[in-house]
Structure formats: structure tokens, C-alpha cells
Amino acid sequence: MEIWGGNAQVRMPGDAVFLTETPTGWRVVAAACESRGEAPYDCEAEGP
């Protein structure tokens, strides 16, 4: 897990999840994300 201020990334083999910290705890903002090298991650599920 990598944390940058109120945001975090959890990496697993072939997949990544992005989180944001809220007053009530951590929330998933993007899931099922695949790295595309220098380009932004390609995520199957994204939300606010």
C-alpha cells in the first residue's frame, strides 16, 4: 500500500485499487485497475 496524503493505492498481482480518505474512513474510488506503463491506469470501476 502506498499513501499520498488522503489518497492511497493498493497493488496486487495484475490489479490495483485506489482509495481516498474520508471523515468516516477509507473509500474505494477506482477498482480493477491495470497499469498501462506511462499512461494512466485503466480501471473497470470508478466512482466519486
PDB file of N, CA and C in Angstrom:
ATOM      1  N   MET A   1       0.861  -1.180   0.000  1.00  0.00           N
ATOM      2  CA  MET A   1       0.000   0.000   0.000  1.00  0.00           C
ATOM      3  C   MET A   1       0.899   1.232   0.000  1.00  0.00           C
ATOM      4  N   GLU A   2       0.582   2.164  -0.867  1.00  0.00           N
ATOM      5  CA  GLU A   2       1.271   3.451  -0.903  1.00  0.00           C
ATOM      6  C   GLU A   2       0.252   4.527  -0.558  1.00  0.00           C
ATOM      7  N   ILE A   3       0.645   5.454   0.309  1.00  0.00           N
ATOM      8  CA  ILE A   3      -0.258   6.519   0.745  1.00  0.00           C
ATOM      9  C   ILE A   3       0.353   7.867   0.402  1.00  0.00           C
ATOM     10  N   TRP A   4      -0.466   8.759  -0.189  1.00  0.00           N
ATOM     11  CA  TRP A   4      -0.070  10.133  -0.504  1.00  0.00           C
ATOM     12  C   TRP A   4      -1.130  11.038   0.095  1.00  0.00           C
ATOM     13  N   GLY A   5      -0.861  11.604   1.256  1.00  0.00           N
ATOM     14  CA  GLY A   5      -1.854  12.465   1.902  1.00  0.00           C
ATOM     15  C   GLY A   5      -3.130  11.691   2.176  1.00  0.00           C
ATOM     16  N   GLY A   6      -4.239  12.103   1.562  1.00  0.00           N
ATOM     17  CA  GLY A   6      -5.518  11.429   1.757  1.00  0.00           C
ATOM     18  C   GLY A   6      -5.870  10.454   0.658  1.00  0.00           C
ATOM     19  N   ASN A   7      -4.884  10.024  -0.136  1.00  0.00           N
ATOM     20  CA  ASN A   7      -5.124   9.056  -1.205  1.00  0.00           C
ATOM     21  C   ASN A   7      -4.178   7.876  -1.054  1.00  0.00           C
ATOM     22  N   ALA A   8      -4.587   6.724  -1.562  1.00  0.00           N
ATOM     23  CA  ALA A   8      -3.756   5.533  -1.452  1.00  0.00           C
ATOM     24  C   ALA A   8      -3.967   4.615  -2.645  1.00  0.00           C
ATOM     25  N   GLN A   9      -2.981   3.745  -2.856  1.00  0.00           N
ATOM     26  CA  GLN A   9      -3.057   2.733  -3.904  1.00  0.00           C
ATOM     27  C   GLN A   9      -2.643   1.403  -3.291  1.00  0.00           C
ATOM     28  N   VAL A  10      -3.435   0.382  -3.548  1.00  0.00           N
ATOM     29  CA  VAL A  10      -3.114  -0.979  -3.119  1.00  0.00           C
ATOM     30  C   VAL A  10      -2.881  -1.787  -4.383  1.00  0.00           C
ATOM     31  N   ARG A  11      -1.693  -2.380  -4.504  1.00  0.00           N
ATOM     32  CA  ARG A  11      -1.365  -3.173  -5.695  1.00  0.00           C
ATOM     33  C   ARG A  11      -1.348  -4.654  -5.363  1.00  0.00           C
ATOM     34  N   MET A  12      -1.917  -5.426  -6.274  1.00  0.00           N
ATOM     35  CA  MET A  12      -1.902  -6.883  -6.203  1.00  0.00           C
ATOM     36  C   MET A  12      -1.401  -7.365  -7.559  1.00  0.00           C
ATOM     37  N   PRO A  13      -1.029  -8.611  -7.692  1.00  0.00           N
ATOM     38  CA  PRO A  13      -0.562  -9.085  -8.999  1.00  0.00           C
ATOM     39  C   PRO A  13      -1.610  -8.840 -10.094  1.00  0.00           C
ATOM     40  N   GLY A  14      -1.274  -7.990 -11.067  1.00  0.00           N
ATOM     41  CA  GLY A  14      -2.147  -7.726 -12.202  1.00  0.00           C
ATOM     42  C   GLY A  14      -3.318  -6.806 -11.918  1.00  0.00           C
ATOM     43  N   ASP A  15      -3.365  -6.150 -10.759  1.00  0.00           N
ATOM     44  CA  ASP A  15      -4.537  -5.361 -10.400  1.00  0.00           C
ATOM     45  C   ASP A  15      -4.136  -4.286  -9.395  1.00  0.00           C
ATOM     46  N   ALA A  16      -4.892  -3.204  -9.340  1.00  0.00           N
ATOM     47  CA  ALA A  16      -4.669  -2.151  -8.351  1.00  0.00           C
ATOM     48  C   ALA A  16      -6.012  -1.546  -7.962  1.00  0.00           C
ATOM     49  N   VAL A  17      -6.071  -1.027  -6.729  1.00  0.00           N
ATOM     50  CA  VAL A  17      -7.260  -0.353  -6.216  1.00  0.00           C
ATOM     51  C   VAL A  17      -6.816   1.005  -5.686  1.00  0.00           C
ATOM     52  N   PHE A  18      -7.589   2.052  -5.970  1.00  0.00           N
ATOM     53  CA  PHE A  18      -7.288   3.392  -5.486  1.00  0.00           C
ATOM     54  C   PHE A  18      -8.318   3.781  -4.431  1.00  0.00           C
ATOM     55  N   LEU A  19      -7.830   4.404  -3.354  1.00  0.00           N
ATOM     56  CA  LEU A  19      -8.672   4.774  -2.221  1.00  0.00           C
ATOM     57  C   LEU A  19      -8.519   6.255  -1.913  1.00  0.00           C
ATOM     58  N   THR A  20      -9.532   6.806  -1.251  1.00  0.00           N
ATOM     59  CA  THR A  20      -9.445   8.163  -0.729  1.00  0.00           C
ATOM     60  C   THR A  20      -9.924   8.136   0.718  1.00  0.00           C
ATOM     61  N   GLU A  21      -9.315   8.963   1.556  1.00  0.00           N
ATOM     62  CA  GLU A  21      -9.682   9.004   2.966  1.00  0.00           C
ATOM     63  C   GLU A  21     -10.816  10.006   3.164  1.00  0.00           C
ATOM     64  N   THR A  22     -11.858   9.574   3.865  1.00  0.00           N
ATOM     65  CA  THR A  22     -13.000  10.432   4.169  1.00  0.00           C
ATOM     66  C   THR A  22     -13.101  10.553   5.692  1.00  0.00           C
ATOM     67  N   PRO A  23     -13.943  11.414   6.191  1.00  0.00           N
ATOM     68  CA  PRO A  23     -14.104  11.531   7.642  1.00  0.00           C
ATOM     69  C   PRO A  23     -14.550  10.229   8.311  1.00  0.00           C
ATOM     70  N   THR A  24     -15.183   9.332   7.548  1.00  0.00           N
ATOM     71  CA  THR A  24     -15.652   8.063   8.121  1.00  0.00           C
ATOM     72  C   THR A  24     -14.756   6.877   7.792  1.00  0.00           C
ATOM     73  N   GLY A  25     -13.637   7.110   7.114  1.00  0.00           N
ATOM     74  CA  GLY A  25     -12.704   6.026   6.795  1.00  0.00           C
ATOM     75  C   GLY A  25     -12.310   6.036   5.324  1.00  0.00           C
ATOM     76  N   TRP A  26     -11.592   4.997   4.912  1.00  0.00           N
ATOM     77  CA  TRP A  26     -11.118   4.880   3.534  1.00  0.00           C
ATOM     78  C   TRP A  26     -12.243   4.391   2.637  1.00  0.00           C
ATOM     79  N   ARG A  27     -12.337   4.970   1.410  1.00  0.00           N
ATOM     80  CA  ARG A  27     -13.340   4.575   0.417  1.00  0.00           C
ATOM     81  C   ARG A  27     -12.650   4.251  -0.896  1.00  0.00           C
ATOM     82  N   VAL A  28     -13.137   3.223  -1.578  1.00  0.00           N
ATOM     83  CA  VAL A  28     -12.608   2.849  -2.891  1.00  0.00           C
ATOM     84  C   VAL A  28     -13.128   3.854  -3.916  1.00  0.00           C
ATOM     85  N   VAL A  29     -12.219   4.423  -4.722  1.00  0.00           N
ATOM     86  CA  VAL A  29     -12.633   5.347  -5.784  1.00  0.00           C
ATOM     87  C   VAL A  29     -12.400   4.752  -7.174  1.00  0.00           C
ATOM     88  N   ALA A  30     -11.558   3.718  -7.265  1.00  0.00           N
ATOM     89  CA  ALA A  30     -11.336   3.020  -8.537  1.00  0.00           C
ATOM     90  C   ALA A  30     -10.843   1.616  -8.224  1.00  0.00           C
ATOM     91  N   ALA A  31     -11.360   0.628  -8.974  1.00  0.00           N
ATOM     92  CA  ALA A  31     -11.003  -0.765  -8.726  1.00  0.00           C
ATOM     93  C   ALA A  31     -10.792  -1.504 -10.036  1.00  0.00           C
ATOM     94  N   ALA A  32     -10.165  -2.660  -9.937  1.00  0.00           N
ATOM     95  CA  ALA A  32      -9.852  -3.486 -11.103  1.00  0.00           C
ATOM     96  C   ALA A  32      -9.028  -2.677 -12.102  1.00  0.00           C
ATOM     97  N   CYS A  33      -7.993  -2.000 -11.604  1.00  0.00           N
ATOM     98  CA  CYS A  33      -7.161  -1.117 -12.429  1.00  0.00           C
ATOM     99  C   CYS A  33      -5.909  -1.840 -12.914  1.00  0.00           C
ATOM    100  N   GLU A  34      -5.616  -1.676 -14.203  1.00  0.00           N
ATOM    101  CA  GLU A  34      -4.422  -2.266 -14.801  1.00  0.00           C
ATOM    102  C   GLU A  34      -3.457  -1.164 -15.199  1.00  0.00           C
ATOM    103  N   SER A  35      -2.193  -1.384 -14.904  1.00  0.00           N
ATOM    104  CA  SER A  35      -1.159  -0.422 -15.285  1.00  0.00           C
ATOM    105  C   SER A  35      -0.986  -0.424 -16.800  1.00  0.00           C
ATOM    106  N   ARG A  36      -0.772   0.770 -17.359  1.00  0.00           N
ATOM    107  CA  ARG A  36      -0.506   0.904 -18.795  1.00  0.00           C
ATOM    108  C   ARG A  36       0.812   1.638 -18.994  1.00  0.00           C
ATOM    109  N   GLY A  37       1.785   1.330 -18.157  1.00  0.00           N
ATOM    110  CA  GLY A  37       3.095   1.963 -18.259  1.00  0.00           C
ATOM    111  C   GLY A  37       3.039   3.421 -17.879  1.00  0.00           C
ATOM    112  N   GLU A  38       3.451   4.305 -18.790  1.00  0.00           N
ATOM    113  CA  GLU A  38       3.469   5.736 -18.526  1.00  0.00           C
ATOM    114  C   GLU A  38       2.074   6.370 -18.596  1.00  0.00           C
ATOM    115  N   ALA A  39       1.118   5.692 -19.210  1.00  0.00           N
ATOM    116  CA  ALA A  39      -0.250   6.213 -19.322  1.00  0.00           C
ATOM    117  C   ALA A  39      -0.993   5.990 -18.003  1.00  0.00           C
ATOM    118  N   PRO A  40      -2.108   6.715 -17.786  1.00  0.00           N
ATOM    119  CA  PRO A  40      -2.905   6.485 -16.583  1.00  0.00           C
ATOM    120  C   PRO A  40      -3.427   5.043 -16.527  1.00  0.00           C
ATOM    121  N   TYR A  41      -3.714   4.592 -15.333  1.00  0.00           N
ATOM    122  CA  TYR A  41      -4.272   3.242 -15.152  1.00  0.00           C
ATOM    123  C   TYR A  41      -5.601   3.115 -15.892  1.00  0.00           C
ATOM    124  N   ASP A  42      -5.924   1.908 -16.340  1.00  0.00           N
ATOM    125  CA  ASP A  42      -7.203   1.597 -16.964  1.00  0.00           C
ATOM    126  C   ASP A  42      -8.035   0.854 -15.906  1.00  0.00           C
ATOM    127  N   CYS A  43      -9.109   1.485 -15.429  1.00  0.00           N
ATOM    128  CA  CYS A  43      -9.911   0.914 -14.342  1.00  0.00           C
ATOM    129  C   CYS A  43     -11.293   0.510 -14.833  1.00  0.00           C
ATOM    130  N   GLU A  44     -11.744  -0.650 -14.385  1.00  0.00           N
ATOM    131  CA  GLU A  44     -13.082  -1.131 -14.762  1.00  0.00           C
ATOM    132  C   GLU A  44     -14.178  -0.451 -13.974  1.00  0.00           C
ATOM    133  N   ALA A  45     -13.902  -0.040 -12.736  1.00  0.00           N
ATOM    134  CA  ALA A  45     -14.904   0.599 -11.893  1.00  0.00           C
ATOM    135  C   ALA A  45     -14.325   1.874 -11.300  1.00  0.00           C
ATOM    136  N   GLU A  46     -15.013   2.997 -11.513  1.00  0.00           N
ATOM    137  CA  GLU A  46     -14.574   4.281 -10.961  1.00  0.00           C
ATOM    138  C   GLU A  46     -15.777   4.995 -10.378  1.00  0.00           C
ATOM    139  N   GLY A  47     -15.540   5.748  -9.333  1.00  0.00           N
ATOM    140  CA  GLY A  47     -16.620   6.499  -8.705  1.00  0.00           C
ATOM    141  C   GLY A  47     -16.107   7.769  -8.080  1.00  0.00           C
ATOM    142  N   PRO A  48     -16.997   8.507  -7.440  1.00  0.00           N
ATOM    143  CA  PRO A  48     -16.610   9.784  -6.829  1.00  0.00           C
ATOM    144  C   PRO A  48     -15.628   9.618  -5.686  1.00  0.00           C
TER     145      PRO A  48
END
